[in-house]
Amino acid sequence: MRDLLTALALVLVIEGILWAAFPEGMKRAAALALALDSGRLRILGLLFATLGVFVVWLVRG
């Protein structure tokens, strides 16, 4: 449980840094995401989740 909370906190830190450092770029990225249909967003989400699991497996394996 501790690892999960740490990972979620790191996501918030990284996302916060990105919004603070590149506000216009993040606005464009959000607009692009809104323009995509739900199916494509779902596929991208699954792809990134799979990539994340693979990286965790490599690092912690």
PDB file of N, CA and C in Angstrom:
ATOM      1  N   MET A   1       0.820  -1.193   0.000  1.00  0.00           N
ATOM      2  CA  MET A   1       0.000   0.000   0.000  1.00  0.00           C
ATOM      3  C   MET A   1       0.864   1.256   0.000  1.00  0.00           C
ATOM      4  N   ARG A   2       1.976   1.162   0.707  1.00  0.00           N
ATOM      5  CA  ARG A   2       2.885   2.309   0.778  1.00  0.00           C
ATOM      6  C   ARG A   2       3.465   2.634  -0.599  1.00  0.00           C
ATOM      7  N   ASP A   3       3.825   1.590  -1.355  1.00  0.00           N
ATOM      8  CA  ASP A   3       4.363   1.804  -2.704  1.00  0.00           C
ATOM      9  C   ASP A   3       3.324   2.450  -3.621  1.00  0.00           C
ATOM     10  N   LEU A   4       2.077   2.027  -3.495  1.00  0.00           N
ATOM     11  CA  LEU A   4       1.014   2.593  -4.325  1.00  0.00           C
ATOM     12  C   LEU A   4       0.829   4.078  -4.030  1.00  0.00           C
ATOM     13  N   LEU A   5       0.789   4.441  -2.762  1.00  0.00           N
ATOM     14  CA  LEU A   5       0.634   5.849  -2.397  1.00  0.00           C
ATOM     15  C   LEU A   5       1.833   6.673  -2.843  1.00  0.00           C
ATOM     16  N   THR A   6       3.026   6.101  -2.745  1.00  0.00           N
ATOM     17  CA  THR A   6       4.225   6.792  -3.217  1.00  0.00           C
ATOM     18  C   THR A   6       4.147   7.022  -4.722  1.00  0.00           C
ATOM     19  N   ALA A   7       3.721   6.004  -5.463  1.00  0.00           N
ATOM     20  CA  ALA A   7       3.598   6.136  -6.918  1.00  0.00           C
ATOM     21  C   ALA A   7       2.573   7.204  -7.289  1.00  0.00           C
ATOM     22  N   LEU A   8       1.444   7.219  -6.611  1.00  0.00           N
ATOM     23  CA  LEU A   8       0.421   8.231  -6.892  1.00  0.00           C
ATOM     24  C   LEU A   8       0.926   9.631  -6.565  1.00  0.00           C
ATOM     25  N   ALA A   9       1.661   9.758  -5.475  1.00  0.00           N
ATOM     26  CA  ALA A   9       2.230  11.061  -5.117  1.00  0.00           C
ATOM     27  C   ALA A   9       3.225  11.520  -6.176  1.00  0.00           C
ATOM     28  N   LEU A  10       4.040  10.606  -6.691  1.00  0.00           N
ATOM     29  CA  LEU A  10       4.998  10.957  -7.737  1.00  0.00           C
ATOM     30  C   LEU A  10       4.289  11.392  -9.017  1.00  0.00           C
ATOM     31  N   VAL A  11       3.187  10.754  -9.342  1.00  0.00           N
ATOM     32  CA  VAL A  11       2.403  11.173 -10.509  1.00  0.00           C
ATOM     33  C   VAL A  11       1.943  12.616 -10.330  1.00  0.00           C
ATOM     34  N   LEU A  12       1.448  12.947  -9.143  1.00  0.00           N
ATOM     35  CA  LEU A  12       1.000  14.315  -8.878  1.00  0.00           C
ATOM     36  C   LEU A  12       2.149  15.308  -8.961  1.00  0.00           C
ATOM     37  N   VAL A  13       3.306  14.937  -8.426  1.00  0.00           N
ATOM     38  CA  VAL A  13       4.477  15.823  -8.476  1.00  0.00           C
ATOM     39  C   VAL A  13       4.893  16.073  -9.921  1.00  0.00           C
ATOM     40  N   ILE A  14       5.016  15.010 -10.697  1.00  0.00           N
ATOM     41  CA  ILE A  14       5.464  15.143 -12.086  1.00  0.00           C
ATOM     42  C   ILE A  14       4.449  15.941 -12.904  1.00  0.00           C
ATOM     43  N   GLU A  15       3.162  15.644 -12.721  1.00  0.00           N
ATOM     44  CA  GLU A  15       2.151  16.384 -13.476  1.00  0.00           C
ATOM     45  C   GLU A  15       2.131  17.851 -13.062  1.00  0.00           C
ATOM     46  N   GLY A  16       2.285  18.113 -11.791  1.00  0.00           N
ATOM     47  CA  GLY A  16       2.327  19.498 -11.326  1.00  0.00           C
ATOM     48  C   GLY A  16       3.504  20.262 -11.903  1.00  0.00           C
ATOM     49  N   ILE A  17       4.653  19.605 -11.966  1.00  0.00           N
ATOM     50  CA  ILE A  17       5.839  20.241 -12.551  1.00  0.00           C
ATOM     51  C   ILE A  17       5.602  20.543 -14.031  1.00  0.00           C
ATOM     52  N   LEU A  18       4.999  19.598 -14.746  1.00  0.00           N
ATOM     53  CA  LEU A  18       4.722  19.819 -16.170  1.00  0.00           C
ATOM     54  C   LEU A  18       3.772  20.990 -16.380  1.00  0.00           C
ATOM     55  N   TRP A  19       2.697  21.075 -15.570  1.00  0.00           N
ATOM     56  CA  TRP A  19       1.754  22.187 -15.705  1.00  0.00           C
ATOM     57  C   TRP A  19       2.414  23.513 -15.354  1.00  0.00           C
ATOM     58  N   ALA A  20       3.307  23.512 -14.357  1.00  0.00           N
ATOM     59  CA  ALA A  20       3.976  24.753 -13.957  1.00  0.00           C
ATOM     60  C   ALA A  20       5.017  25.181 -14.988  1.00  0.00           C
ATOM     61  N   ALA A  21       5.740  24.223 -15.550  1.00  0.00           N
ATOM     62  CA  ALA A  21       6.831  24.546 -16.470  1.00  0.00           C
ATOM     63  C   ALA A  21       6.339  24.816 -17.891  1.00  0.00           C
ATOM     64  N   PHE A  22       5.297  24.114 -18.319  1.00  0.00           N
ATOM     65  CA  PHE A  22       4.827  24.215 -19.705  1.00  0.00           C
ATOM     66  C   PHE A  22       3.309  24.384 -19.772  1.00  0.00           C
ATOM     67  N   PRO A  23       2.774  25.479 -19.235  1.00  0.00           N
ATOM     68  CA  PRO A  23       1.312  25.605 -19.200  1.00  0.00           C
ATOM     69  C   PRO A  23       0.663  25.615 -20.586  1.00  0.00           C
ATOM     70  N   GLU A  24       1.261  26.294 -21.539  1.00  0.00           N
ATOM     71  CA  GLU A  24       0.667  26.342 -22.884  1.00  0.00           C
ATOM     72  C   GLU A  24       0.730  24.983 -23.567  1.00  0.00           C
ATOM     73  N   GLY A  25       1.848  24.293 -23.415  1.00  0.00           N
ATOM     74  CA  GLY A  25       1.972  22.962 -24.000  1.00  0.00           C
ATOM     75  C   GLY A  25       0.984  21.977 -23.388  1.00  0.00           C
ATOM     76  N   MET A  26       0.769  22.084 -22.085  1.00  0.00           N
ATOM     77  CA  MET A  26      -0.184  21.197 -21.422  1.00  0.00           C
ATOM     78  C   MET A  26      -1.616  21.513 -21.857  1.00  0.00           C
ATOM     79  N   LYS A  27      -1.913  22.794 -22.085  1.00  0.00           N
ATOM     80  CA  LYS A  27      -3.238  23.158 -22.596  1.00  0.00           C
ATOM     81  C   LYS A  27      -3.458  22.551 -23.979  1.00  0.00           C
ATOM     82  N   ARG A  28      -2.418  22.621 -24.826  1.00  0.00           N
ATOM     83  CA  ARG A  28      -2.532  22.034 -26.171  1.00  0.00           C
ATOM     84  C   ARG A  28      -2.717  20.523 -26.084  1.00  0.00           C
ATOM     85  N   ALA A  29      -1.966  19.878 -25.188  1.00  0.00           N
ATOM     86  CA  ALA A  29      -2.091  18.428 -25.031  1.00  0.00           C
ATOM     87  C   ALA A  29      -3.493  18.052 -24.546  1.00  0.00           C
ATOM     88  N   ALA A  30      -4.036  18.830 -23.615  1.00  0.00           N
ATOM     89  CA  ALA A  30      -5.387  18.562 -23.124  1.00  0.00           C
ATOM     90  C   ALA A  30      -6.413  18.758 -24.238  1.00  0.00           C
ATOM     91  N   ALA A  31      -6.227  19.786 -25.057  1.00  0.00           N
ATOM     92  CA  ALA A  31      -7.145  20.030 -26.171  1.00  0.00           C
ATOM     93  C   ALA A  31      -7.073  18.894 -27.186  1.00  0.00           C
ATOM     94  N   LEU A  32      -5.874  18.390 -27.440  1.00  0.00           N
ATOM     95  CA  LEU A  32      -5.730  17.259 -28.363  1.00  0.00           C
ATOM     96  C   LEU A  32      -6.428  16.022 -27.814  1.00  0.00           C
ATOM     97  N   ALA A  33      -6.302  15.796 -26.514  1.00  0.00           N
ATOM     98  CA  ALA A  33      -6.958  14.643 -25.898  1.00  0.00           C
ATOM     99  C   ALA A  33      -8.479  14.773 -26.001  1.00  0.00           C
ATOM    100  N   LEU A  34      -8.992  15.978 -25.811  1.00  0.00           N
ATOM    101  CA  LEU A  34     -10.438  16.195 -25.925  1.00  0.00           C
ATOM    102  C   LEU A  34     -10.934  15.974 -27.347  1.00  0.00           C
ATOM    103  N   ALA A  35     -10.077  16.214 -28.326  1.00  0.00           N
ATOM    104  CA  ALA A  35     -10.471  16.061 -29.722  1.00  0.00           C
ATOM    105  C   ALA A  35     -10.504  14.594 -30.161  1.00  0.00           C
ATOM    106  N   LEU A  36      -9.839  13.711 -29.435  1.00  0.00           N
ATOM    107  CA  LEU A  36      -9.813  12.296 -29.804  1.00  0.00           C
ATOM    108  C   LEU A  36     -11.113  11.617 -29.401  1.00  0.00           C
ATOM    109  N   ASP A  37     -11.503  10.601 -30.180  1.00  0.00           N
ATOM    110  CA  ASP A  37     -12.698   9.850 -29.807  1.00  0.00           C
ATOM    111  C   ASP A  37     -12.370   8.910 -28.641  1.00  0.00           C
ATOM    112  N   SER A  38     -13.401   8.463 -27.958  1.00  0.00           N
ATOM    113  CA  SER A  38     -13.231   7.657 -26.747  1.00  0.00           C
ATOM    114  C   SER A  38     -12.480   6.355 -27.008  1.00  0.00           C
ATOM    115  N   GLY A  39     -12.734   5.740 -28.133  1.00  0.00           N
ATOM    116  CA  GLY A  39     -12.056   4.482 -28.453  1.00  0.00           C
ATOM    117  C   GLY A  39     -10.554   4.650 -28.567  1.00  0.00           C
ATOM    118  N   ARG A  40     -10.138   5.710 -29.231  1.00  0.00           N
ATOM    119  CA  ARG A  40      -8.708   5.961 -29.393  1.00  0.00           C
ATOM    120  C   ARG A  40      -8.060   6.296 -28.049  1.00  0.00           C
ATOM    121  N   LEU A  41      -8.760   7.084 -27.226  1.00  0.00           N
ATOM    122  CA  LEU A  41      -8.236   7.397 -25.891  1.00  0.00           C
ATOM    123  C   LEU A  41      -8.099   6.134 -25.046  1.00  0.00           C
ATOM    124  N   ARG A  42      -9.073   5.242 -25.163  1.00  0.00           N
ATOM    125  CA  ARG A  42      -9.024   3.986 -24.415  1.00  0.00           C
ATOM    126  C   ARG A  42      -7.814   3.155 -24.843  1.00  0.00           C
ATOM    127  N   ILE A  43      -7.574   3.078 -26.143  1.00  0.00           N
ATOM    128  CA  ILE A  43      -6.425   2.322 -26.652  1.00  0.00           C
ATOM    129  C   ILE A  43      -5.122   2.940 -26.166  1.00  0.00           C
ATOM    130  N   LEU A  44      -5.013   4.267 -26.232  1.00  0.00           N
ATOM    131  CA  LEU A  44      -3.804   4.937 -25.746  1.00  0.00           C
ATOM    132  C   LEU A  44      -3.604   4.704 -24.251  1.00  0.00           C
ATOM    133  N   GLY A  45      -4.687   4.765 -23.486  1.00  0.00           N
ATOM    134  CA  GLY A  45      -4.598   4.511 -22.053  1.00  0.00           C
ATOM    135  C   GLY A  45      -4.112   3.105 -21.754  1.00  0.00           C
ATOM    136  N   LEU A  46      -4.654   2.123 -22.459  1.00  0.00           N
ATOM    137  CA  LEU A  46      -4.217   0.738 -22.262  1.00  0.00           C
ATOM    138  C   LEU A  46      -2.765   0.546 -22.681  1.00  0.00           C
ATOM    139  N   LEU A  47      -2.373   1.212 -23.762  1.00  0.00           N
ATOM    140  CA  LEU A  47      -0.988   1.124 -24.218  1.00  0.00           C
ATOM    141  C   LEU A  47      -0.022   1.669 -23.168  1.00  0.00           C
ATOM    142  N   PHE A  48      -0.338   2.857 -22.622  1.00  0.00           N
ATOM    143  CA  PHE A  48       0.527   3.458 -21.617  1.00  0.00           C
ATOM    144  C   PHE A  48       0.521   2.649 -20.322  1.00  0.00           C
ATOM    145  N   ALA A  49      -0.628   2.096 -19.945  1.00  0.00           N
ATOM    146  CA  ALA A  49      -0.685   1.257 -18.751  1.00  0.00           C
ATOM    147  C   ALA A  49       0.181   0.015 -18.929  1.00  0.00           C
ATOM    148  N   THR A  50       0.115  -0.596 -20.105  1.00  0.00           N
ATOM    149  CA  THR A  50       0.940  -1.771 -20.391  1.00  0.00           C
ATOM    150  C   THR A  50       2.418  -1.413 -20.362  1.00  0.00           C
ATOM    151  N   LEU A  51       2.767  -0.293 -20.952  1.00  0.00           N
ATOM    152  CA  LEU A  51       4.157   0.164 -20.925  1.00  0.00           C
ATOM    153  C   LEU A  51       4.616   0.392 -19.488  1.00  0.00           C
ATOM    154  N   GLY A  52       3.770   1.002 -18.671  1.00  0.00           N
ATOM    155  CA  GLY A  52       4.111   1.243 -17.270  1.00  0.00           C
ATOM    156  C   GLY A  52       4.332  -0.043 -16.501  1.00  0.00           C
ATOM    157  N   VAL A  53       3.459  -1.028 -16.708  1.00  0.00           N
ATOM    158  CA  VAL A  53       3.625  -2.326 -16.043  1.00  0.00           C
ATOM    159  C   VAL A  53       4.937  -2.967 -16.474  1.00  0.00           C
ATOM    160  N   PHE A  54       5.259  -2.883 -17.750  1.00  0.00           N
ATOM    161  CA  PHE A  54       6.501  -3.463 -18.255  1.00  0.00           C
ATOM    162  C   PHE A  54       7.722  -2.793 -17.625  1.00  0.00           C
ATOM    163  N   VAL A  55       7.704  -1.471 -17.517  1.00  0.00           N
ATOM    164  CA  VAL A  55       8.831  -0.746 -16.915  1.00  0.00           C
ATOM    165  C   VAL A  55       8.970  -1.113 -15.441  1.00  0.00           C
ATOM    166  N   VAL A  56       7.853  -1.179 -14.720  1.00  0.00           N
ATOM    167  CA  VAL A  56       7.908  -1.583 -13.306  1.00  0.00           C
ATOM    168  C   VAL A  56       8.462  -2.996 -13.191  1.00  0.00           C
ATOM    169  N   TRP A  57       8.033  -3.880 -14.070  1.00  0.00           N
ATOM    170  CA  TRP A  57       8.518  -5.256 -14.052  1.00  0.00           C
ATOM    171  C   TRP A  57      10.033  -5.303 -14.292  1.00  0.00           C
ATOM    172  N   LEU A  58      10.527  -4.494 -15.239  1.00  0.00           N
ATOM    173  CA  LEU A  58      11.967  -4.450 -15.502  1.00  0.00           C
ATOM    174  C   LEU A  58      12.746  -3.914 -14.304  1.00  0.00           C
ATOM    175  N   VAL A  59      12.233  -2.850 -13.698  1.00  0.00           N
ATOM    176  CA  VAL A  59      12.950  -2.192 -12.603  1.00  0.00           C
ATOM    177  C   VAL A  59      12.881  -3.011 -11.322  1.00  0.00           C
ATOM    178  N   ARG A  60      11.695  -3.512 -10.996  1.00  0.00           N
ATOM    179  CA  ARG A  60      11.504  -4.196  -9.720  1.00  0.00           C
ATOM    180  C   ARG A  60      11.700  -5.701  -9.822  1.00  0.00           C
ATOM    181  N   GLY A  61      11.640  -6.225 -11.071  1.00  0.00           N
ATOM    182  CA  GLY A  61      11.651  -7.635 -11.393  1.00  0.00           C
ATOM    183  C   GLY A  61      12.488  -8.491 -10.582  1.00  0.00           C
TER     184      GLY A  61
END
